[in-house]
Amino acid sequence: MARLNVRAHWRDSVRPARFFVIDARSALPCLLFLVHIRWWTFWSFLAIAVFFALLERLGFTITVFARLSRSLLAGPRKLCRPWWREDKL
């Protein structure tokens, strides 16, 4: 039996999926553009692809970026009780 010449390693399973140079997470806008060819679908696909490329360039994943944006929106003050149940002075 011939031995397979496999260049992939199990550590390669964590790499993000790609379609040539485009991130695979932007496949849905690409499909939308290919089905409904208009300028606004092209520009939205391009914006989403650039957004994912920028996130990868900065070293973020979608989860990390969502947590970062949530913490920036929440602000520095973290309350243990909701604002509507705080004691008003």
N, C-alpha and C. Protein backbone atom coordinates (compact mmCIF):
# COMPACT_ATOMS: atom_id res chain seq x y z
N MET A 1 0.84 -1.17 0.00
CA MET A 1 0.00 0.00 0.00
C MET A 1 0.88 1.24 0.00
N ALA A 2 0.58 2.17 -0.87
CA ALA A 2 1.38 3.38 -0.99
C ALA A 2 1.09 4.33 0.17
N ARG A 3 2.14 4.98 0.61
CA ARG A 3 2.00 5.95 1.70
C ARG A 3 1.60 7.30 1.12
N LEU A 4 0.61 7.93 1.76
CA LEU A 4 0.15 9.23 1.30
C LEU A 4 1.15 10.31 1.67
N ASN A 5 1.40 11.20 0.75
CA ASN A 5 2.27 12.34 1.01
C ASN A 5 1.38 13.50 1.47
N VAL A 6 1.14 13.57 2.76
CA VAL A 6 0.24 14.58 3.31
C VAL A 6 1.07 15.72 3.88
N ARG A 7 0.81 16.92 3.41
CA ARG A 7 1.53 18.07 3.90
C ARG A 7 0.76 18.81 5.00
N ALA A 8 -0.48 18.43 5.20
CA ALA A 8 -1.30 19.09 6.22
C ALA A 8 -1.05 18.42 7.57
N HIS A 9 -1.13 19.22 8.58
CA HIS A 9 -0.95 18.75 9.94
C HIS A 9 -2.20 19.09 10.72
N TRP A 10 -2.42 18.44 11.87
CA TRP A 10 -3.62 18.70 12.64
C TRP A 10 -3.67 20.14 13.12
N ARG A 11 -2.52 20.79 13.26
CA ARG A 11 -2.50 22.19 13.70
C ARG A 11 -3.06 23.12 12.63
N ASP A 12 -3.11 22.66 11.39
CA ASP A 12 -3.65 23.48 10.31
C ASP A 12 -5.17 23.56 10.35
N SER A 13 -5.80 22.79 11.19
CA SER A 13 -7.26 22.80 11.24
C SER A 13 -7.82 24.08 11.86
N VAL A 14 -7.00 24.85 12.53
CA VAL A 14 -7.47 26.08 13.17
C VAL A 14 -7.41 27.28 12.23
N ARG A 15 -6.78 27.13 11.12
CA ARG A 15 -6.68 28.24 10.18
C ARG A 15 -8.04 28.58 9.59
N PRO A 16 -8.28 29.87 9.34
CA PRO A 16 -9.59 30.24 8.77
C PRO A 16 -9.72 29.77 7.32
N ALA A 17 -10.94 29.45 6.95
CA ALA A 17 -11.20 29.00 5.59
C ALA A 17 -11.09 30.17 4.63
N ARG A 18 -10.58 29.91 3.44
CA ARG A 18 -10.38 30.97 2.45
C ARG A 18 -10.85 30.50 1.08
N PHE A 19 -11.30 31.46 0.31
CA PHE A 19 -11.58 31.25 -1.10
C PHE A 19 -10.59 32.12 -1.84
N PHE A 20 -9.49 31.54 -2.26
CA PHE A 20 -8.31 32.23 -2.78
C PHE A 20 -7.80 33.19 -1.72
N VAL A 21 -7.95 34.49 -1.87
CA VAL A 21 -7.46 35.43 -0.86
C VAL A 21 -8.59 36.01 -0.02
N ILE A 22 -9.84 35.70 -0.35
CA ILE A 22 -10.99 36.26 0.35
C ILE A 22 -11.37 35.32 1.50
N ASP A 23 -11.67 35.92 2.65
CA ASP A 23 -12.10 35.14 3.81
C ASP A 23 -13.43 34.46 3.50
N ALA A 24 -13.58 33.23 3.95
CA ALA A 24 -14.78 32.45 3.62
C ALA A 24 -16.01 32.97 4.33
N ARG A 25 -15.84 33.75 5.40
CA ARG A 25 -17.00 34.30 6.10
C ARG A 25 -17.71 35.36 5.26
N SER A 26 -17.06 35.86 4.25
CA SER A 26 -17.72 36.82 3.36
C SER A 26 -18.31 36.11 2.14
N ALA A 27 -18.53 34.82 2.24
CA ALA A 27 -19.10 34.07 1.12
C ALA A 27 -20.57 34.39 0.90
N LEU A 28 -21.31 34.63 1.98
CA LEU A 28 -22.73 34.95 1.83
C LEU A 28 -22.94 36.28 1.09
N PRO A 29 -22.23 37.36 1.42
CA PRO A 29 -22.37 38.56 0.59
C PRO A 29 -21.89 38.36 -0.84
N CYS A 30 -20.88 37.52 -1.03
CA CYS A 30 -20.43 37.22 -2.39
C CYS A 30 -21.52 36.48 -3.17
N LEU A 31 -22.16 35.53 -2.52
CA LEU A 31 -23.26 34.82 -3.16
C LEU A 31 -24.42 35.76 -3.47
N LEU A 32 -24.71 36.66 -2.53
CA LEU A 32 -25.77 37.64 -2.76
C LEU A 32 -25.42 38.52 -3.97
N PHE A 33 -24.17 38.91 -4.08
CA PHE A 33 -23.75 39.72 -5.23
C PHE A 33 -23.87 38.93 -6.53
N LEU A 34 -23.50 37.66 -6.51
CA LEU A 34 -23.57 36.87 -7.74
C LEU A 34 -25.00 36.57 -8.15
N VAL A 35 -25.91 36.50 -7.19
CA VAL A 35 -27.30 36.24 -7.51
C VAL A 35 -28.03 37.52 -7.93
N HIS A 36 -27.72 38.61 -7.24
CA HIS A 36 -28.41 39.89 -7.47
C HIS A 36 -27.35 40.94 -7.79
N ILE A 37 -26.93 40.97 -9.03
CA ILE A 37 -25.82 41.83 -9.43
C ILE A 37 -26.30 43.28 -9.54
N ARG A 38 -25.95 44.04 -8.53
CA ARG A 38 -26.21 45.47 -8.47
C ARG A 38 -25.00 46.14 -7.85
N TRP A 39 -24.93 47.46 -8.00
CA TRP A 39 -23.79 48.16 -7.43
C TRP A 39 -23.79 48.10 -5.91
N TRP A 40 -24.96 48.19 -5.28
CA TRP A 40 -24.98 48.20 -3.82
C TRP A 40 -24.58 46.84 -3.25
N THR A 41 -24.89 45.74 -3.95
CA THR A 41 -24.45 44.44 -3.45
C THR A 41 -22.94 44.26 -3.64
N PHE A 42 -22.42 44.82 -4.72
CA PHE A 42 -20.97 44.77 -4.93
C PHE A 42 -20.25 45.54 -3.84
N TRP A 43 -20.70 46.76 -3.56
CA TRP A 43 -20.03 47.58 -2.56
C TRP A 43 -20.19 46.99 -1.15
N SER A 44 -21.34 46.39 -0.87
CA SER A 44 -21.50 45.76 0.45
C SER A 44 -20.59 44.53 0.58
N PHE A 45 -20.49 43.73 -0.49
CA PHE A 45 -19.58 42.59 -0.47
C PHE A 45 -18.14 43.06 -0.30
N LEU A 46 -17.75 44.10 -1.01
CA LEU A 46 -16.40 44.63 -0.91
C LEU A 46 -16.12 45.16 0.49
N ALA A 47 -17.08 45.87 1.08
CA ALA A 47 -16.90 46.41 2.43
C ALA A 47 -16.76 45.29 3.46
N ILE A 48 -17.56 44.25 3.34
CA ILE A 48 -17.48 43.13 4.29
C ILE A 48 -16.16 42.38 4.12
N ALA A 49 -15.72 42.19 2.89
CA ALA A 49 -14.45 41.50 2.65
C ALA A 49 -13.28 42.32 3.20
N VAL A 50 -13.32 43.64 3.02
CA VAL A 50 -12.26 44.49 3.57
C VAL A 50 -12.31 44.49 5.10
N PHE A 51 -13.52 44.46 5.67
CA PHE A 51 -13.66 44.41 7.13
C PHE A 51 -13.03 43.14 7.69
N PHE A 52 -13.30 41.99 7.09
CA PHE A 52 -12.70 40.74 7.56
C PHE A 52 -11.19 40.73 7.34
N ALA A 53 -10.72 41.30 6.25
CA ALA A 53 -9.28 41.37 6.00
C ALA A 53 -8.60 42.26 7.04
N LEU A 54 -9.26 43.37 7.39
CA LEU A 54 -8.70 44.26 8.40
C LEU A 54 -8.67 43.60 9.77
N LEU A 55 -9.73 42.86 10.10
CA LEU A 55 -9.73 42.15 11.38
C LEU A 55 -8.61 41.12 11.44
N GLU A 56 -8.40 40.42 10.34
CA GLU A 56 -7.32 39.42 10.32
C GLU A 56 -5.96 40.09 10.39
N ARG A 57 -5.83 41.22 9.75
CA ARG A 57 -4.56 41.95 9.76
C ARG A 57 -4.22 42.43 11.18
N LEU A 58 -5.26 42.83 11.94
CA LEU A 58 -5.06 43.28 13.31
C LEU A 58 -4.93 42.12 14.29
N GLY A 59 -5.22 40.91 13.85
CA GLY A 59 -5.07 39.74 14.70
C GLY A 59 -6.30 39.41 15.52
N PHE A 60 -7.45 39.94 15.14
CA PHE A 60 -8.69 39.68 15.85
C PHE A 60 -9.50 38.60 15.15
N THR A 61 -10.29 37.88 15.96
CA THR A 61 -11.32 37.03 15.40
C THR A 61 -12.65 37.75 15.58
N ILE A 62 -13.71 37.19 15.05
CA ILE A 62 -15.02 37.82 15.19
C ILE A 62 -15.43 37.87 16.65
N THR A 63 -15.17 36.81 17.38
CA THR A 63 -15.54 36.76 18.80
C THR A 63 -14.78 37.81 19.61
N VAL A 64 -13.49 37.93 19.37
CA VAL A 64 -12.69 38.90 20.10
C VAL A 64 -13.13 40.32 19.74
N PHE A 65 -13.42 40.57 18.46
CA PHE A 65 -13.86 41.90 18.06
C PHE A 65 -15.22 42.24 18.66
N ALA A 66 -16.12 41.26 18.74
CA ALA A 66 -17.43 41.51 19.35
C ALA A 66 -17.29 41.82 20.83
N ARG A 67 -16.43 41.11 21.53
CA ARG A 67 -16.22 41.39 22.95
C ARG A 67 -15.56 42.75 23.16
N LEU A 68 -14.63 43.11 22.30
CA LEU A 68 -13.98 44.41 22.41
C LEU A 68 -14.96 45.55 22.15
N SER A 69 -15.77 45.41 21.11
CA SER A 69 -16.75 46.46 20.82
C SER A 69 -17.82 46.54 21.90
N ARG A 70 -18.21 45.40 22.47
CA ARG A 70 -19.19 45.41 23.56
C ARG A 70 -18.63 46.10 24.79
N SER A 71 -17.37 45.87 25.11
CA SER A 71 -16.78 46.52 26.28
C SER A 71 -16.59 48.01 26.04
N LEU A 72 -16.31 48.40 24.80
CA LEU A 72 -16.19 49.83 24.50
C LEU A 72 -17.54 50.53 24.57
N LEU A 73 -18.60 49.85 24.13
CA LEU A 73 -19.94 50.43 24.20
C LEU A 73 -20.47 50.49 25.63
N ALA A 74 -20.11 49.51 26.45
CA ALA A 74 -20.61 49.46 27.83
C ALA A 74 -19.98 50.54 28.69
N GLY A 75 -18.75 50.90 28.41
CA GLY A 75 -18.09 51.93 29.19
C GLY A 75 -17.31 51.35 30.36
N PRO A 76 -16.61 52.21 31.09
CA PRO A 76 -15.76 51.72 32.17
C PRO A 76 -16.52 51.35 33.45
N ARG A 77 -17.72 51.87 33.63
CA ARG A 77 -18.48 51.62 34.86
C ARG A 77 -19.32 50.36 34.70
N LYS A 78 -19.04 49.36 35.52
CA LYS A 78 -19.78 48.12 35.48
C LYS A 78 -20.63 48.02 36.75
N LEU A 79 -21.92 47.90 36.60
CA LEU A 79 -22.82 47.86 37.74
C LEU A 79 -23.21 46.42 38.06
N CYS A 80 -23.40 46.15 39.34
CA CYS A 80 -23.85 44.82 39.72
C CYS A 80 -25.37 44.75 39.73
N ARG A 81 -26.03 45.90 39.75
CA ARG A 81 -27.48 45.95 39.69
C ARG A 81 -27.88 46.75 38.46
N PRO A 82 -29.01 46.46 37.87
CA PRO A 82 -29.43 47.22 36.70
C PRO A 82 -29.69 48.69 37.06
N TRP A 83 -29.58 49.55 36.09
CA TRP A 83 -29.73 50.99 36.35
C TRP A 83 -31.13 51.34 36.81
N TRP A 84 -32.14 50.53 36.43
CA TRP A 84 -33.50 50.87 36.84
C TRP A 84 -33.80 50.43 38.27
N ARG A 85 -32.92 49.62 38.86
CA ARG A 85 -33.13 49.21 40.26
C ARG A 85 -32.15 49.87 41.22
N GLU A 86 -31.35 50.79 40.75
CA GLU A 86 -30.44 51.50 41.63
C GLU A 86 -31.22 52.43 42.55
N ASP A 87 -30.68 52.65 43.72
CA ASP A 87 -31.31 53.59 44.64
C ASP A 87 -31.06 54.99 44.14
N LYS A 88 -32.12 55.74 43.93
CA LYS A 88 -32.00 57.11 43.46
C LYS A 88 -31.90 58.04 44.67
N LEU A 89 -30.96 58.93 44.66
CA LEU A 89 -30.81 59.90 45.76
C LEU A 89 -31.46 61.20 45.43
